[in-house]
Protein backbone atom coordinates (compact mmCIF):
# COMPACT_ATOMS: atom_id res chain seq x y z
CA UNK A 1 -5.17 24.69 -21.79
CA UNK A 2 -2.70 22.97 -24.06
CA UNK A 3 -0.34 20.59 -22.36
CA UNK A 4 2.75 21.76 -24.26
CA UNK A 5 2.53 25.41 -23.29
CA UNK A 6 1.22 24.92 -19.74
CA UNK A 7 4.34 26.44 -18.21
CA UNK A 8 5.36 28.45 -21.28
CA UNK A 9 8.82 29.66 -20.25
CA UNK A 10 8.61 28.24 -16.71
CA UNK A 11 10.35 25.20 -15.34
CA UNK A 12 9.42 22.21 -13.13
CA UNK A 13 11.82 19.51 -12.00
CA UNK A 14 12.16 17.06 -9.12
CA UNK A 15 15.43 16.21 -7.45
CA UNK A 16 15.70 12.59 -6.33
CA UNK A 17 17.93 11.74 -3.41
CA UNK A 18 21.09 9.89 -4.48
CA UNK A 19 22.09 6.88 -2.38
CA UNK A 20 25.74 6.75 -3.46
CA UNK A 21 26.89 8.31 -0.19
CA UNK A 22 25.47 5.54 1.99
CA UNK A 23 27.57 2.77 3.49
CA UNK A 24 25.88 -0.20 1.79
CA UNK A 25 24.78 1.25 -1.56
CA UNK A 26 27.58 -0.33 -3.61
CA UNK A 27 26.67 -3.79 -2.33
CA UNK A 28 23.10 -3.82 -3.66
CA UNK A 29 22.63 -7.04 -5.63
CA UNK A 30 19.77 -9.43 -6.32
CA UNK A 31 19.95 -13.20 -6.15
CA UNK A 32 16.32 -13.76 -5.17
CA UNK A 33 15.43 -10.27 -3.85
CA UNK A 34 13.91 -7.40 -5.84
CA UNK A 35 15.82 -4.20 -5.06
CA UNK A 36 19.32 -5.24 -4.05
CA UNK A 37 18.49 -6.57 -0.58
CA UNK A 38 20.47 -9.81 -1.00
CA UNK A 39 23.81 -8.10 -1.56
CA UNK A 40 23.35 -5.58 1.26
CA UNK A 41 22.25 -8.25 3.74
CA UNK A 42 25.26 -10.38 2.88
CA UNK A 43 27.61 -7.45 3.50
CA UNK A 44 25.83 -6.37 6.68
CA UNK A 45 25.90 -9.82 8.27
CA UNK A 46 29.54 -10.22 7.26
CA UNK A 47 30.34 -6.93 8.94
CA UNK A 48 28.66 -7.91 12.20
CA UNK A 49 30.33 -11.32 12.10
CA UNK A 50 27.30 -13.56 11.71
CA UNK A 51 26.82 -14.39 8.03
CA UNK A 52 26.90 -18.19 8.16
CA UNK A 53 24.43 -20.39 10.04
CA UNK A 54 22.14 -17.55 11.07
CA UNK A 55 18.44 -17.84 11.86
CA UNK A 56 16.03 -15.94 9.60
CA UNK A 57 12.29 -15.34 9.79
CA UNK A 58 10.26 -14.21 6.78
CA UNK A 59 6.76 -12.84 7.43
CA UNK A 60 4.85 -12.89 4.17
CA UNK A 61 7.02 -15.68 2.78
CA UNK A 62 4.93 -16.02 -0.41
CA UNK A 63 6.40 -19.03 -2.27
CA UNK A 64 9.70 -18.91 -0.39
CA UNK A 65 11.71 -17.96 -3.48
CA UNK A 66 10.17 -15.20 -5.59
CA UNK A 67 11.45 -11.80 -4.38
CA UNK A 68 12.41 -13.45 -1.10
CA UNK A 69 14.70 -11.54 1.27
CA UNK A 70 15.83 -14.67 3.12
CA UNK A 71 16.16 -17.32 0.40
CA UNK A 72 19.73 -16.32 -0.50
CA UNK A 73 20.82 -16.63 3.13
CA UNK A 74 19.20 -20.07 3.24
CA UNK A 75 20.51 -21.40 -0.07
CA UNK A 76 23.99 -19.89 -0.11
CA UNK A 77 24.88 -19.23 3.53
CA UNK A 78 23.37 -22.20 5.35
CA UNK A 79 20.79 -20.24 7.34
CA UNK A 80 17.97 -21.86 9.26
CA UNK A 81 14.85 -20.20 7.87
CA UNK A 82 11.30 -19.82 9.11
CA UNK A 83 8.67 -18.91 6.53
CA UNK A 84 5.20 -17.74 7.63
CA UNK A 85 2.70 -17.46 4.77
CA UNK A 86 -1.07 -17.08 5.23
CA UNK A 87 -2.08 -17.71 1.61
CA UNK A 88 -2.75 -21.44 1.33
CA UNK A 89 -2.00 -21.78 -2.40
CA UNK A 90 1.29 -19.89 -2.14
CA UNK A 91 2.16 -21.92 0.94
CA UNK A 92 1.75 -25.14 -1.03
CA UNK A 93 4.20 -23.80 -3.63
CA UNK A 94 6.56 -22.82 -0.81
CA UNK A 95 6.52 -26.42 0.46
CA UNK A 96 7.50 -27.68 -3.00
CA UNK A 97 10.21 -25.04 -3.48
CA UNK A 98 11.88 -25.91 -0.19
CA UNK A 99 11.02 -29.59 0.09
CA UNK A 100 14.69 -30.62 0.49
CA UNK A 101 15.40 -27.95 3.11
CA UNK A 102 12.24 -28.90 5.03
CA UNK A 103 13.23 -32.56 4.98
CA UNK A 104 16.75 -31.73 6.21
CA UNK A 105 15.44 -29.54 9.02
CA UNK A 106 16.77 -26.25 7.60
CA UNK A 107 13.32 -24.76 6.98
CA UNK A 108 10.24 -24.41 9.17
CA UNK A 109 7.25 -23.46 7.01
CA UNK A 110 3.98 -22.33 8.61
CA UNK A 111 0.64 -21.62 6.98
CA UNK A 112 -0.55 -19.12 9.60
CA UNK A 113 -1.45 -15.49 10.26
CA UNK A 114 1.14 -13.90 12.50
CA UNK A 115 -0.46 -12.66 15.72
CA UNK A 116 0.86 -10.25 18.39
CA UNK A 117 0.31 -12.80 21.14
CA UNK A 118 -0.56 -16.44 21.56
CA UNK A 119 0.28 -19.52 19.51
CA UNK A 120 1.28 -17.65 16.33
CA UNK A 121 3.28 -14.79 17.84
CA UNK A 122 6.94 -14.56 16.76
CA UNK A 123 8.27 -15.57 20.18
CA UNK A 124 5.95 -18.59 20.39
CA UNK A 125 6.90 -19.66 16.86
CA UNK A 126 10.58 -19.47 17.80
CA UNK A 127 9.88 -21.45 20.96
CA UNK A 128 8.08 -24.11 18.93
CA UNK A 129 11.17 -24.30 16.72
CA UNK A 130 13.48 -24.56 19.73
CA UNK A 131 15.20 -21.25 18.96
CA UNK A 132 16.10 -18.68 21.60
CA UNK A 133 17.75 -15.98 19.44
CA UNK A 134 16.80 -14.51 16.05
CA UNK A 135 19.27 -12.83 13.73
CA UNK A 136 17.00 -11.49 11.01
CA UNK A 137 13.32 -10.94 10.32
CA UNK A 138 11.82 -9.75 7.03
CA UNK A 139 8.31 -8.24 7.27
CA UNK A 140 6.43 -7.86 3.99
CA UNK A 141 2.67 -8.27 4.19
CA UNK A 142 1.51 -5.38 1.96
CA UNK A 143 -0.27 -3.37 4.62
CA UNK A 144 -0.08 -4.38 8.27
CA UNK A 145 3.73 -4.27 8.47
CA UNK A 146 3.67 -1.33 10.92
CA UNK A 147 1.52 -3.22 13.43
CA UNK A 148 3.60 -6.39 13.17
CA UNK A 149 6.66 -4.31 14.09
CA UNK A 150 4.75 -2.53 16.85
CA UNK A 151 3.69 -5.80 18.46
CA UNK A 152 6.94 -7.67 17.83
CA UNK A 153 7.72 -9.50 21.07
CA UNK A 154 11.33 -10.32 20.19
CA UNK A 155 14.40 -8.20 19.37
CA UNK A 156 16.22 -9.63 16.35
CA UNK A 157 19.57 -8.17 15.34
CA UNK A 158 18.29 -6.99 11.96
CA UNK A 159 14.83 -6.11 10.63
CA UNK A 160 13.84 -5.52 7.01
CA UNK A 161 10.38 -3.99 6.75
CA UNK A 162 8.25 -2.81 3.86
CA UNK A 163 6.97 0.78 3.74
CA UNK A 164 4.79 2.74 1.34
CA UNK A 165 7.41 4.59 -0.70
CA UNK A 166 4.96 6.99 -2.36
CA UNK A 167 4.69 9.05 0.83
CA UNK A 168 7.16 11.90 1.30
CA UNK A 169 9.46 11.34 4.34
CA UNK A 170 7.88 14.37 6.04
CA UNK A 171 4.52 12.58 6.09
CA UNK A 172 3.71 10.37 9.06
CA UNK A 173 1.03 8.04 7.72
CA UNK A 174 -0.20 4.84 9.37
CA UNK A 175 -2.91 2.73 7.77
CA UNK A 176 -5.82 1.37 9.87
CA UNK A 177 -5.16 -1.76 11.89
CA UNK A 178 -7.07 -4.02 9.54
CA UNK A 179 -5.72 -6.96 7.53
CA UNK A 180 -8.27 -6.19 4.82
CA UNK A 181 -6.64 -2.79 4.19
CA UNK A 182 -3.64 -2.77 1.84
CA UNK A 183 -2.28 0.78 2.08
CA UNK A 184 0.98 0.44 3.97
CA UNK A 185 2.59 3.07 6.19
CA UNK A 186 5.09 5.83 5.45
CA UNK A 187 8.80 5.56 6.13
CA UNK A 188 8.71 8.27 8.79
CA UNK A 189 5.95 6.47 10.71
CA UNK A 190 7.80 3.16 10.61
CA UNK A 191 11.10 4.77 11.62
CA UNK A 192 9.52 6.64 14.53
CA UNK A 193 8.25 3.31 15.81
CA UNK A 194 11.60 1.60 15.15
CA UNK A 195 13.38 4.27 17.20
CA UNK A 196 11.12 3.54 20.17
CA UNK A 197 11.89 -0.17 19.84
CA UNK A 198 15.64 0.43 19.85
CA UNK A 199 16.53 0.28 16.16
CA UNK A 200 18.31 2.59 13.74
CA UNK A 201 18.16 2.86 9.95
CA UNK A 202 21.34 1.73 8.15
CA UNK A 203 20.00 1.47 4.59
CA UNK A 204 16.81 1.79 2.58
CA UNK A 205 15.61 0.26 -0.66
CA UNK A 206 12.79 1.26 -2.98
CA UNK A 207 10.27 -0.63 -0.87
CA UNK A 208 12.07 -1.61 2.36
CA UNK A 209 13.82 -0.12 5.38
CA UNK A 210 16.84 -1.95 6.84
CA UNK A 211 16.90 -1.60 10.62
CA UNK A 212 19.64 -2.72 13.01
CA UNK A 213 19.49 -2.95 16.79
CA UNK A 214 21.25 0.05 18.34
CA UNK A 215 23.68 -1.97 20.46
CA UNK A 216 24.94 -3.65 17.27
CA UNK A 217 25.15 -0.30 15.47
CA UNK A 218 27.32 0.99 18.29
CA UNK A 219 29.49 -2.15 18.63
CA UNK A 220 30.29 -2.31 14.91
CA UNK A 221 30.33 1.44 14.23
CA UNK A 222 27.62 1.30 11.56
CA UNK A 223 26.55 4.55 9.93
CA UNK A 224 22.89 5.46 10.32
CA UNK A 225 20.54 7.37 8.03
CA UNK A 226 18.08 10.05 9.14
CA UNK A 227 14.38 9.59 8.40
CA UNK A 228 14.20 12.73 6.23
CA UNK A 229 16.70 11.19 3.79
CA UNK A 230 14.38 8.38 2.68
CA UNK A 231 13.29 9.84 -0.65
CA UNK A 232 11.80 7.91 -3.53
CA UNK A 233 11.12 8.52 -7.20
CA UNK A 234 7.48 7.85 -6.38
CA UNK A 235 7.23 10.85 -4.03
CA UNK A 236 4.69 13.34 -5.32
CA UNK A 237 4.44 17.07 -4.63
CA UNK A 238 1.74 19.71 -5.08
CA UNK A 239 1.93 23.47 -5.23
CA UNK A 240 -0.28 26.39 -6.19
CA UNK A 241 0.30 29.57 -8.13
CA UNK A 242 -0.99 32.81 -6.64
CA UNK A 243 -3.83 32.68 -9.15
CA UNK A 244 -5.02 29.23 -8.00
CA UNK A 245 -3.22 27.18 -10.66
CA UNK A 246 -2.42 23.69 -9.39
CA UNK A 247 1.10 22.36 -10.01
CA UNK A 248 2.16 18.74 -9.66
CA UNK A 249 5.71 17.55 -9.30
CA UNK A 250 6.91 14.01 -9.77
CA UNK A 251 8.68 11.45 -11.91
CA UNK A 252 5.73 10.11 -13.85
CA UNK A 253 5.56 10.43 -17.62
CA UNK A 254 3.63 13.70 -17.29
CA UNK A 255 5.84 15.13 -14.53
CA UNK A 256 3.19 14.45 -11.93
CA UNK A 257 3.01 12.04 -8.97
CA UNK A 258 3.71 8.42 -9.84
CA UNK A 259 1.39 5.63 -8.73
CA UNK A 260 3.34 2.34 -9.05
CA UNK A 261 0.31 0.08 -8.59
CA UNK A 262 -2.07 1.35 -11.27
CA UNK A 263 -1.38 2.53 -14.80
CA UNK A 264 -2.66 6.06 -14.29
CA UNK A 265 -0.86 9.21 -15.40
CA UNK A 266 -1.33 12.39 -13.40
CA UNK A 267 -0.52 15.83 -14.71
CA UNK A 268 -1.41 19.43 -13.77
CA UNK A 269 -3.35 19.84 -17.00
CA UNK A 270 -6.03 17.30 -16.11
CA UNK A 271 -6.26 17.91 -12.35
CA UNK A 272 -6.92 21.65 -12.17
CA UNK A 273 -9.67 22.33 -9.64
CA UNK A 274 -10.32 25.73 -11.23
CA UNK A 275 -11.12 26.32 -14.93
CA UNK A 276 -8.71 28.64 -16.73
CA UNK A 277 -11.09 31.66 -16.67
CA UNK A 278 -11.19 31.52 -12.85
CA UNK A 279 -7.43 31.35 -12.37
CA UNK A 280 -6.26 34.86 -11.62
CA UNK A 281 -4.58 36.81 -8.84
CA UNK A 282 -7.03 39.05 -6.97
CA UNK A 283 -6.24 41.71 -4.37
CA UNK A 284 -9.96 42.64 -4.01
CA UNK A 285 -9.19 46.40 -3.90
CA UNK A 286 -11.89 47.50 -6.31
CA UNK A 287 -15.38 46.38 -7.38
CA UNK A 288 -14.22 44.58 -10.54
CA UNK A 289 -11.72 42.44 -8.71
CA UNK A 290 -14.17 41.84 -5.88
CA UNK A 291 -16.76 40.65 -8.41
CA UNK A 292 -14.25 38.20 -9.90
CA UNK A 293 -13.44 37.00 -6.40
CA UNK A 294 -17.15 36.43 -5.67
CA UNK A 295 -17.58 34.58 -8.97
CA UNK A 296 -14.76 32.21 -8.11
CA UNK A 297 -16.09 31.53 -4.63
CA UNK A 298 -19.57 30.87 -6.02
CA UNK A 299 -17.99 28.30 -8.31
CA UNK A 300 -16.25 26.74 -5.31
CA UNK A 301 -19.43 27.02 -3.22
CA UNK A 302 -17.62 29.04 -0.58
CA UNK A 303 -20.79 30.83 0.51
CA UNK A 304 -19.56 31.49 4.04
CA UNK A 305 -16.48 33.28 2.70
CA UNK A 306 -18.64 35.48 0.48
CA UNK A 307 -20.95 36.44 3.36
CA UNK A 308 -17.99 37.09 5.64
CA UNK A 309 -16.31 39.35 3.08
CA UNK A 310 -19.60 41.17 2.36
CA UNK A 311 -20.02 41.95 6.06
CA UNK A 312 -16.46 43.25 6.24
CA UNK A 313 -17.09 45.58 3.31
CA UNK A 314 -20.53 46.64 4.55
CA UNK A 315 -19.52 47.47 8.12
CA UNK A 316 -15.97 48.61 7.63
CA UNK A 317 -15.13 52.08 8.93
CA UNK A 318 -14.61 54.80 6.36
């Protein structure tokens, strides 16, 4: 099947959700962040009257600067910042990047794995730092983010958490609880958990969800966003024609699903599970159509279906 005439006179398109209607969209801006988090966080903390001198906590701190969601608050708004980074080499770079802030007591940098309980739990880390209240935590560990939120033993005012943005918001997907697995969890799964923990969604970015504690949402009249609204350009869709033709929908180069992490292009022309001669609509009302139906099921190795249909035809009442 030629790619150019796959649909002939048909039409496929995807409609991406526009964020212009949301309260914080116009404030998206990067200083150190990747997708506008810095500008939105600045506006949010200004709106809830705690921009300056706040306490921040970054889980998955990397080098403390690159794509950091807390560095701007530290550098430009005098925040006290805690960075937890498990990678030893990146942690050494973090120490160099924030050597002045560490010396002045504005940064606590820890080369540890965050744990739900014990010495390296968030509450114990705060206690070690002599802090009783946390304003903001950023969770970005490329996989186990869901479980860190689940086991969070503190209630910061604001949480920014990474999610796997390739999953449609109708899909509740949670990766295994294993630090060796780097799949991430869907927005709907994370938001369902956040709701149980007393948080609402006030904004979302390409890779992150911005959660605010419900008492603060109520006190400052913040607008919330429903989970079904968290669409992404990386969402992929599948559909089937009545003849078994597979259709893919998405924003990749070939109008199929988009995988941001590998340079692979998906299109309906190279992912058909049926060859063209077996794609047809069958009502199975006569022998010819029944034969075609059997042929297709033999190809698909659906032997049980063939036997079942044969029994129906053999023993049906005249």
